[in-house]
């Protein structure tokens, strides 16, 4: 049972004991003890926090969260998972099974042959900046309480660096599979740097079918003229997924990203993009689906730090039964930058008297030379379209399913124009058909 209190109290000593954070030497100069001290100072999120007001944070107070135990059949299970994924996907497959990383020696050799440096942190012994080279310059990210929590309690991590002028022949595929039914919590951390004039395709897949808490953190840096195509899929029958993603982009870098979330008890996507160099561009697509009593929360922030930068967002959400979808989108254009173009739209479909949607697209503009537009729509299915389909012989249920499918296909039609993103979406359809 969960213990619900009005204001969570962070038990510093208990978390130190349960997750053995003394084995973790920290990341980028921030020790786990210092990170957890910040968590204690900030306090765990509650609905009193503006960015969490629509998200049920009661599960943070569950008293038996603890680190997972590595199963005895870990190697056999990971080999079986690898065979299953390799039959569907082509790429460099890296598996996190209940928080523990695994990959074939052949995969490590193939990455090395491409000039890619990688480093896995078994047992949470992730060294500081001296052990793990990092050029990510974003100290403000440690003002985020969940980032500090993941840094302090990180059990395992994966660092990867793509050298300059390198185009990977295959995508990098992270598969996070969680199935321990004992209230375990995992705090994986991935850090990826893409060198100048390089290109990388990255895909993350999360599946949780048990009462687990997953709090991943992904840091990405795109050097000048680097290119990234990124896809993320979250699915499962239970569990809680609270993720943070940070992308720092420099001169003429480009990122095209998509996330898709459904299932699990609650999903929280916390995404921040900082366009730090001239002519940097980022494009985001999103599709979320909440049904039964599920909660899907997306908090997105794009900051145009440099002039001549571009951002484009198109986020769709579907809420059914008693599901709740939330989109909080924030675009920041600070004083002094010029030639900024930003677009943000959030479309929501509500199917059910008890379904709920919260949306707040927001621009904070302190400059004059900008072209910015944003908007949001919330509504049920068009009754005229329903009547028309029924007059052509479709039942009411068939008509509703057709219109729901058409709403989703607005995103699909765009994605199929891109080879990698289209492949990502077709893989989603394959999994959904199982």
Protein backbone atom coordinates (compact mmCIF):
# COMPACT_ATOMS: atom_id res chain seq x y z
CA UNK A 1 0.00 0.00 0.00
CA UNK A 2 1.11 3.58 -0.67
CA UNK A 3 1.39 6.12 2.07
CA UNK A 4 -0.09 9.42 0.95
CA UNK A 5 1.06 12.54 2.74
CA UNK A 6 0.56 16.18 1.87
CA UNK A 7 4.25 17.03 1.75
CA UNK A 8 6.79 14.25 1.11
CA UNK A 9 9.75 14.05 3.44
CA UNK A 10 12.96 12.82 1.86
CA UNK A 11 14.53 10.11 4.00
CA UNK A 12 18.21 10.71 3.22
CA UNK A 13 19.58 7.93 5.42
CA UNK A 14 17.10 5.31 4.24
CA UNK A 15 17.90 5.93 0.58
CA UNK A 16 21.62 5.74 1.29
CA UNK A 17 21.14 2.35 2.88
CA UNK A 18 18.69 0.91 0.34
CA UNK A 19 20.65 1.90 -2.76
CA UNK A 20 24.24 1.70 -1.44
CA UNK A 21 25.01 5.09 -2.91
CA UNK A 22 28.43 5.11 -1.29
CA UNK A 23 29.52 2.87 -4.19
CA UNK A 24 28.58 5.63 -6.62
CA UNK A 25 31.26 8.32 -6.85
CA UNK A 26 29.04 10.76 -8.69
CA UNK A 27 28.84 12.29 -12.13
CA UNK A 28 30.57 15.38 -13.47
CA UNK A 29 31.83 16.46 -10.08
CA UNK A 30 28.50 16.13 -8.25
CA UNK A 31 28.83 13.41 -5.62
CA UNK A 32 25.82 11.27 -4.71
CA UNK A 33 25.85 12.67 -1.18
CA UNK A 34 25.76 16.24 -2.53
CA UNK A 35 23.02 15.30 -5.01
CA UNK A 36 20.87 13.75 -2.30
CA UNK A 37 21.44 16.76 -0.06
CA UNK A 38 20.00 18.87 -2.87
CA UNK A 39 17.01 16.54 -3.07
CA UNK A 40 16.47 16.96 0.64
CA UNK A 41 16.74 20.75 0.28
CA UNK A 42 14.38 20.89 -2.72
CA UNK A 43 11.92 18.31 -1.40
CA UNK A 44 10.34 15.65 -3.58
CA UNK A 45 7.74 16.91 -6.07
CA UNK A 46 4.18 17.45 -4.92
CA UNK A 47 1.12 18.95 -6.53
CA UNK A 48 2.03 22.20 -4.86
CA UNK A 49 4.80 22.52 -7.48
CA UNK A 50 3.49 24.23 -10.60
CA UNK A 51 5.05 21.76 -13.03
CA UNK A 52 3.66 18.77 -11.10
CA UNK A 53 0.19 20.03 -10.26
CA UNK A 54 -1.58 17.56 -12.58
CA UNK A 55 0.56 14.53 -11.74
CA UNK A 56 -0.14 12.09 -8.91
CA UNK A 57 3.08 12.12 -6.89
CA UNK A 58 1.81 9.85 -4.11
CA UNK A 59 3.96 6.92 -5.25
CA UNK A 60 7.11 8.86 -4.28
CA UNK A 61 6.12 8.22 -0.68
CA UNK A 62 5.90 4.47 -1.03
CA UNK A 63 7.95 3.15 1.88
CA UNK A 64 9.47 0.03 0.29
CA UNK A 65 11.25 1.34 -2.80
CA UNK A 66 14.65 -0.32 -3.01
CA UNK A 67 17.33 -1.26 -5.51
CA UNK A 68 16.69 -4.42 -7.58
CA UNK A 69 18.61 -7.64 -7.01
CA UNK A 70 20.45 -8.99 -10.03
CA UNK A 71 18.71 -12.25 -11.02
CA UNK A 72 20.69 -15.50 -11.15
CA UNK A 73 19.62 -16.12 -14.74
CA UNK A 74 20.60 -12.61 -15.83
CA UNK A 75 22.85 -13.69 -18.72
CA UNK A 76 20.36 -16.24 -20.08
CA UNK A 77 17.49 -13.77 -19.86
CA UNK A 78 19.45 -11.02 -21.61
CA UNK A 79 20.50 -13.40 -24.38
CA UNK A 80 16.85 -14.35 -24.91
CA UNK A 81 15.80 -10.69 -24.95
CA UNK A 82 18.57 -9.92 -27.41
CA UNK A 83 17.40 -12.65 -29.79
CA UNK A 84 13.85 -11.32 -29.60
CA UNK A 85 14.85 -7.71 -30.27
CA UNK A 86 17.41 -8.59 -32.96
CA UNK A 87 14.63 -10.32 -34.92
CA UNK A 88 12.72 -7.03 -35.10
CA UNK A 89 15.41 -4.36 -35.14
CA UNK A 90 18.76 -3.81 -36.81
CA UNK A 91 21.22 -1.85 -34.72
CA UNK A 92 23.59 -1.80 -31.78
CA UNK A 93 21.44 -3.32 -29.05
CA UNK A 94 22.08 -2.43 -25.40
CA UNK A 95 19.80 -3.93 -22.77
CA UNK A 96 19.03 -2.67 -19.27
CA UNK A 97 17.30 -5.58 -17.53
CA UNK A 98 15.84 -4.45 -14.21
CA UNK A 99 18.38 -1.64 -14.25
CA UNK A 100 21.44 -3.79 -15.02
CA UNK A 101 23.20 -3.09 -18.35
CA UNK A 102 24.17 -5.82 -20.81
CA UNK A 103 25.40 -6.07 -24.38
CA UNK A 104 27.06 -8.70 -26.54
CA UNK A 105 30.84 -8.55 -26.86
CA UNK A 106 30.25 -8.46 -30.62
CA UNK A 107 28.21 -5.27 -30.17
CA UNK A 108 30.99 -3.66 -28.16
CA UNK A 109 33.50 -4.66 -30.86
CA UNK A 110 31.27 -3.26 -33.61
CA UNK A 111 30.96 0.07 -31.79
CA UNK A 112 34.69 0.18 -31.31
CA UNK A 113 35.20 -0.52 -35.02
CA UNK A 114 33.08 2.56 -35.78
CA UNK A 115 35.33 4.62 -33.55
CA UNK A 116 32.66 4.97 -30.85
CA UNK A 117 33.93 5.15 -27.27
CA UNK A 118 31.60 3.63 -24.71
CA UNK A 119 31.79 3.01 -21.02
CA UNK A 120 29.43 1.07 -18.75
CA UNK A 121 29.22 1.64 -15.02
CA UNK A 122 28.62 -1.72 -13.33
CA UNK A 123 27.53 -1.46 -9.74
CA UNK A 124 27.10 2.29 -9.93
CA UNK A 125 30.85 3.06 -9.78
CA UNK A 126 30.58 5.92 -12.24
CA UNK A 127 33.59 8.10 -11.80
CA UNK A 128 33.68 11.86 -12.01
CA UNK A 129 34.61 13.97 -15.00
CA UNK A 130 38.21 12.72 -14.79
CA UNK A 131 37.08 9.15 -15.45
CA UNK A 132 34.22 9.83 -17.84
CA UNK A 133 35.08 12.58 -20.34
CA UNK A 134 32.16 14.97 -20.65
CA UNK A 135 31.83 18.35 -22.26
CA UNK A 136 28.15 18.85 -21.45
CA UNK A 137 27.97 22.41 -20.15
CA UNK A 138 24.66 22.68 -18.40
CA UNK A 139 25.17 23.14 -14.65
CA UNK A 140 21.62 24.44 -14.21
CA UNK A 141 20.27 20.94 -14.85
CA UNK A 142 21.27 20.08 -11.29
CA UNK A 143 18.63 22.51 -10.09
CA UNK A 144 16.10 19.84 -11.14
CA UNK A 145 15.17 17.66 -8.17
CA UNK A 146 14.66 14.51 -10.26
CA UNK A 147 18.02 14.96 -11.98
CA UNK A 148 19.64 15.16 -8.56
CA UNK A 149 17.71 12.11 -7.39
CA UNK A 150 18.90 10.04 -10.35
CA UNK A 151 22.47 11.30 -9.91
CA UNK A 152 22.44 10.41 -6.23
CA UNK A 153 20.84 6.99 -6.55
CA UNK A 154 22.21 5.92 -9.93
CA UNK A 155 22.86 2.20 -9.85
CA UNK A 156 24.12 1.86 -13.44
CA UNK A 157 24.98 4.13 -16.32
CA UNK A 158 26.10 4.10 -19.92
CA UNK A 159 28.34 6.72 -21.50
CA UNK A 160 28.89 6.87 -25.25
CA UNK A 161 30.89 9.27 -27.44
CA UNK A 162 30.73 9.38 -31.22
CA UNK A 163 33.90 10.86 -32.75
CA UNK A 164 33.89 13.77 -35.21
CA UNK A 165 32.96 13.17 -38.85
CA UNK A 166 31.44 9.75 -38.11
CA UNK A 167 28.11 8.52 -39.52
CA UNK A 168 26.98 5.39 -37.70
CA UNK A 169 25.86 2.67 -40.07
CA UNK A 170 23.20 1.42 -37.65
CA UNK A 171 21.08 3.02 -34.91
CA UNK A 172 21.90 2.64 -31.22
CA UNK A 173 19.06 0.84 -29.45
CA UNK A 174 18.51 0.98 -25.68
CA UNK A 175 15.98 -1.53 -24.34
CA UNK A 176 14.90 -1.09 -20.71
CA UNK A 177 12.96 -4.11 -19.50
CA UNK A 178 11.63 -4.13 -15.93
CA UNK A 179 9.65 -7.05 -14.51
CA UNK A 180 10.53 -7.38 -10.83
CA UNK A 181 7.32 -7.38 -8.81
CA UNK A 182 8.71 -6.38 -5.44
CA UNK A 183 8.61 -2.59 -5.50
CA UNK A 184 12.11 -2.10 -6.89
CA UNK A 185 13.27 1.25 -8.23
CA UNK A 186 15.88 1.77 -10.96
CA UNK A 187 17.80 4.96 -11.71
CA UNK A 188 19.68 4.38 -14.98
CA UNK A 189 21.65 7.20 -16.53
CA UNK A 190 22.79 7.55 -20.14
CA UNK A 191 25.15 10.20 -21.44
CA UNK A 192 25.79 10.59 -25.17
CA UNK A 193 27.97 13.06 -27.04
CA UNK A 194 27.86 13.35 -30.83
CA UNK A 195 31.01 14.87 -32.35
CA UNK A 196 31.31 17.54 -35.00
CA UNK A 197 29.87 16.63 -38.41
CA UNK A 198 28.67 13.26 -37.05
CA UNK A 199 25.26 11.64 -37.28
CA UNK A 200 23.55 9.27 -34.87
CA UNK A 201 20.20 7.47 -34.72
CA UNK A 202 19.11 6.62 -31.18
CA UNK A 203 16.10 4.60 -30.04
CA UNK A 204 14.92 3.97 -26.46
CA UNK A 205 12.31 1.41 -25.54
CA UNK A 206 10.92 1.05 -22.01
CA UNK A 207 8.63 -1.73 -20.85
CA UNK A 208 7.49 -2.24 -17.27
CA UNK A 209 4.92 -4.89 -16.39
CA UNK A 210 5.31 -4.82 -12.62
CA UNK A 211 5.06 -2.43 -9.70
CA UNK A 212 8.43 -0.77 -10.35
CA UNK A 213 9.63 2.81 -10.40
CA UNK A 214 11.90 3.79 -13.29
CA UNK A 215 13.65 7.19 -13.17
CA UNK A 216 16.01 7.36 -16.16
CA UNK A 217 18.12 10.34 -17.10
CA UNK A 218 19.48 10.94 -20.61
CA UNK A 219 22.01 13.69 -21.36
CA UNK A 220 22.83 14.39 -25.01
CA UNK A 221 25.25 16.90 -26.49
CA UNK A 222 25.36 17.70 -30.21
CA UNK A 223 28.59 19.33 -31.32
CA UNK A 224 28.61 21.79 -34.25
CA UNK A 225 26.93 20.36 -37.36
CA UNK A 226 26.05 17.11 -35.57
CA UNK A 227 22.76 15.40 -36.39
CA UNK A 228 20.52 13.28 -34.18
CA UNK A 229 17.37 11.32 -34.89
CA UNK A 230 15.80 10.06 -31.68
CA UNK A 231 12.79 7.90 -30.87
CA UNK A 232 11.40 6.85 -27.51
CA UNK A 233 8.65 4.37 -26.76
CA UNK A 234 7.17 3.67 -23.29
CA UNK A 235 4.71 0.85 -22.77
CA UNK A 236 3.69 -1.71 -20.16
CA UNK A 237 0.88 -2.88 -17.94
CA UNK A 238 1.98 -1.31 -14.66
CA UNK A 239 4.74 0.67 -13.00
CA UNK A 240 5.80 4.31 -12.91
CA UNK A 241 8.08 6.01 -15.42
CA UNK A 242 9.52 9.43 -14.53
CA UNK A 243 12.18 10.40 -17.06
CA UNK A 244 14.38 13.40 -17.70
CA UNK A 245 16.04 14.22 -20.98
CA UNK A 246 18.45 17.08 -21.68
CA UNK A 247 19.79 18.01 -25.12
CA UNK A 248 22.42 20.72 -25.62
CA UNK A 249 22.90 21.72 -29.28
CA UNK A 250 25.66 23.82 -30.80
CA UNK A 251 26.26 25.54 -34.15
CA UNK A 252 24.22 24.17 -37.06
CA UNK A 253 23.33 20.99 -35.19
CA UNK A 254 20.00 19.33 -35.89
CA UNK A 255 17.76 17.01 -33.91
CA UNK A 256 14.53 15.30 -34.98
CA UNK A 257 12.81 13.50 -32.10
CA UNK A 258 9.64 11.56 -31.36
CA UNK A 259 8.24 10.11 -28.17
CA UNK A 260 5.29 7.80 -27.77
CA UNK A 261 3.86 6.79 -24.41
CA UNK A 262 1.02 4.61 -23.23
CA UNK A 263 0.32 1.95 -20.64
CA UNK A 264 1.93 1.89 -17.19
CA UNK A 265 0.22 3.52 -14.24
CA UNK A 266 1.89 6.90 -14.70
CA UNK A 267 4.33 8.33 -17.23
CA UNK A 268 6.17 11.60 -16.79
CA UNK A 269 8.37 12.96 -19.59
CA UNK A 270 10.56 15.91 -18.59
CA UNK A 271 12.33 17.21 -21.71
CA UNK A 272 14.63 20.22 -22.00
CA UNK A 273 16.42 21.39 -25.15
CA UNK A 274 18.95 24.22 -25.20
CA UNK A 275 19.89 25.68 -28.59
CA UNK A 276 23.31 27.06 -27.73
CA UNK A 277 24.77 27.68 -31.19
CA UNK A 278 23.76 29.69 -34.24
CA UNK A 279 21.50 27.91 -36.73
CA UNK A 280 20.78 25.01 -34.39
CA UNK A 281 17.43 23.35 -35.05
CA UNK A 282 15.19 20.93 -33.17
CA UNK A 283 11.95 19.23 -34.23
CA UNK A 284 9.69 17.27 -31.89
CA UNK A 285 6.73 14.98 -32.48
CA UNK A 286 4.79 13.36 -29.69
CA UNK A 287 1.89 10.95 -29.29
CA UNK A 288 0.46 10.01 -25.92
CA UNK A 289 -2.42 7.74 -24.97
CA UNK A 290 -3.95 7.46 -21.49
CA UNK A 291 -6.85 5.13 -20.73
CA UNK A 292 -8.39 3.49 -17.70
CA UNK A 293 -6.90 5.54 -14.82
CA UNK A 294 -3.50 6.10 -16.45
CA UNK A 295 -1.67 9.42 -16.30
CA UNK A 296 0.58 10.82 -19.03
CA UNK A 297 2.46 14.03 -18.21
CA UNK A 298 4.74 15.85 -20.67
CA UNK A 299 6.77 18.85 -19.53
CA UNK A 300 8.79 20.33 -22.38
CA UNK A 301 11.09 23.34 -22.45
CA UNK A 302 13.05 24.70 -25.42
CA UNK A 303 15.44 27.57 -24.85
CA UNK A 304 16.77 29.63 -27.77
CA UNK A 305 20.05 30.76 -26.26
CA UNK A 306 21.69 31.64 -29.60
CA UNK A 307 20.49 33.69 -32.57
CA UNK A 308 19.25 32.19 -35.85
CA UNK A 309 17.83 29.09 -34.15
CA UNK A 310 14.67 27.13 -34.97
CA UNK A 311 12.29 24.91 -33.03
CA UNK A 312 9.16 23.04 -34.08
CA UNK A 313 6.81 20.99 -31.89
CA UNK A 314 3.69 19.01 -32.73
CA UNK A 315 2.31 17.02 -29.79
CA UNK A 316 -0.87 14.91 -29.85
CA UNK A 317 -2.59 13.22 -26.92
CA UNK A 318 -5.58 10.91 -26.57
CA UNK A 319 -7.41 10.49 -23.25
CA UNK A 320 -10.01 7.72 -22.79
CA UNK A 321 -12.07 6.34 -19.91
CA UNK A 322 -10.57 7.97 -16.78
CA UNK A 323 -7.17 8.71 -18.30
CA UNK A 324 -5.41 12.06 -17.87
CA UNK A 325 -3.05 13.71 -20.38
CA UNK A 326 -1.07 16.85 -19.61
CA UNK A 327 1.17 18.97 -21.82
CA UNK A 328 3.17 21.86 -20.39
CA UNK A 329 5.18 23.40 -23.21
CA UNK A 330 7.52 26.31 -22.63
CA UNK A 331 9.60 28.11 -25.25
CA UNK A 332 12.09 30.71 -24.00
CA UNK A 333 13.53 33.47 -26.19
CA UNK A 334 15.86 35.59 -24.03
CA UNK A 335 16.83 39.20 -24.58
CA UNK A 336 19.54 39.90 -27.15
CA UNK A 337 18.99 37.05 -29.61
CA UNK A 338 17.78 37.67 -33.18
CA UNK A 339 16.14 35.79 -36.03
CA UNK A 340 14.28 33.21 -33.94
CA UNK A 341 11.56 30.97 -35.34
CA UNK A 342 9.52 28.74 -33.05
CA UNK A 343 6.33 26.76 -33.53
CA UNK A 344 4.37 24.82 -30.91
CA UNK A 345 1.02 23.08 -31.24
CA UNK A 346 -0.72 20.61 -28.95
CA UNK A 347 -3.81 18.72 -30.14
CA UNK A 348 -5.87 16.63 -27.74
CA UNK A 349 -8.74 14.21 -28.20
CA UNK A 350 -10.95 13.45 -25.19
CA UNK A 351 -13.09 10.31 -25.41
CA UNK A 352 -15.10 9.77 -22.25
CA UNK A 353 -16.97 11.80 -19.69
CA UNK A 354 -14.28 11.18 -17.06
CA UNK A 355 -11.24 11.62 -19.29
CA UNK A 356 -9.22 14.75 -18.69
CA UNK A 357 -6.73 16.88 -20.62
CA UNK A 358 -4.59 19.74 -19.31
CA UNK A 359 -2.64 21.82 -21.78
CA UNK A 360 -0.56 24.98 -21.49
CA UNK A 361 1.59 26.01 -24.46
CA UNK A 362 3.64 28.96 -23.28
CA UNK A 363 6.08 31.40 -24.85
CA UNK A 364 8.39 33.68 -22.90
CA UNK A 365 9.73 36.20 -25.41
CA UNK A 366 12.08 39.04 -24.48
CA UNK A 367 13.40 39.74 -27.99
CA UNK A 368 11.90 41.55 -30.98
CA UNK A 369 13.22 39.73 -34.05
CA UNK A 370 11.13 36.57 -33.69
CA UNK A 371 8.49 34.59 -35.60
CA UNK A 372 6.66 32.50 -33.02
CA UNK A 373 3.27 30.80 -32.93
CA UNK A 374 1.63 28.39 -30.54
CA UNK A 375 -1.77 26.88 -29.92
CA UNK A 376 -3.75 24.04 -28.41
CA UNK A 377 -7.02 22.26 -29.13
CA UNK A 378 -9.10 20.02 -26.88
CA UNK A 379 -12.24 18.26 -28.01
CA UNK A 380 -14.29 15.12 -28.50
CA UNK A 381 -14.95 13.38 -31.81
CA UNK A 382 -16.85 15.42 -34.37
CA UNK A 383 -20.55 14.41 -34.08
CA UNK A 384 -21.14 15.25 -37.74
CA UNK A 385 -18.31 12.91 -38.79
CA UNK A 386 -19.74 10.20 -36.53
CA UNK A 387 -23.19 10.62 -38.06
CA UNK A 388 -21.77 10.53 -41.59
CA UNK A 389 -19.88 7.27 -41.01
CA UNK A 390 -22.90 5.65 -39.38
CA UNK A 391 -25.07 6.70 -42.32
CA UNK A 392 -22.64 4.76 -44.52
CA UNK A 393 -23.14 1.53 -42.61
CA UNK A 394 -20.56 1.71 -39.85
CA UNK A 395 -21.61 0.98 -36.29
CA UNK A 396 -21.04 3.70 -33.69
CA UNK A 397 -18.08 1.80 -32.25
CA UNK A 398 -16.52 1.32 -35.69
CA UNK A 399 -17.02 5.00 -36.52
CA UNK A 400 -15.37 6.07 -33.27
CA UNK A 401 -12.40 3.77 -33.88
CA UNK A 402 -11.96 5.10 -37.42
CA UNK A 403 -11.96 8.71 -36.28
CA UNK A 404 -9.59 7.92 -33.43
CA UNK A 405 -7.27 6.26 -35.91
CA UNK A 406 -7.43 9.30 -38.19
CA UNK A 407 -6.36 11.51 -35.28
CA UNK A 408 -3.28 9.35 -34.71
CA UNK A 409 -2.47 9.20 -38.41
CA UNK A 410 -1.96 12.96 -38.55
CA UNK A 411 1.34 12.29 -36.79
CA UNK A 412 2.03 9.07 -38.68
CA UNK A 413 1.77 10.77 -42.07
CA UNK A 414 4.59 13.12 -41.09
CA UNK A 415 6.77 10.40 -39.60
CA UNK A 416 6.62 8.10 -42.60
CA UNK A 417 8.42 10.78 -44.61
CA UNK A 418 11.55 10.05 -42.54
CA UNK A 419 13.13 6.61 -42.90
CA UNK A 420 14.24 6.22 -39.28
CA UNK A 421 11.12 7.70 -37.68
CA UNK A 422 8.91 5.70 -40.02
CA UNK A 423 10.75 2.54 -38.97
CA UNK A 424 10.23 3.53 -35.35
CA UNK A 425 6.48 3.89 -35.88
CA UNK A 426 6.17 0.61 -37.79
CA UNK A 427 7.95 -1.13 -34.92
CA UNK A 428 5.38 0.40 -32.57
CA UNK A 429 2.55 -1.05 -34.67
CA UNK A 430 4.22 -4.46 -34.63
CA UNK A 431 4.49 -4.42 -30.83
CA UNK A 432 0.91 -3.20 -30.40
CA UNK A 433 -0.34 -6.07 -32.57
CA UNK A 434 1.21 -8.70 -30.30
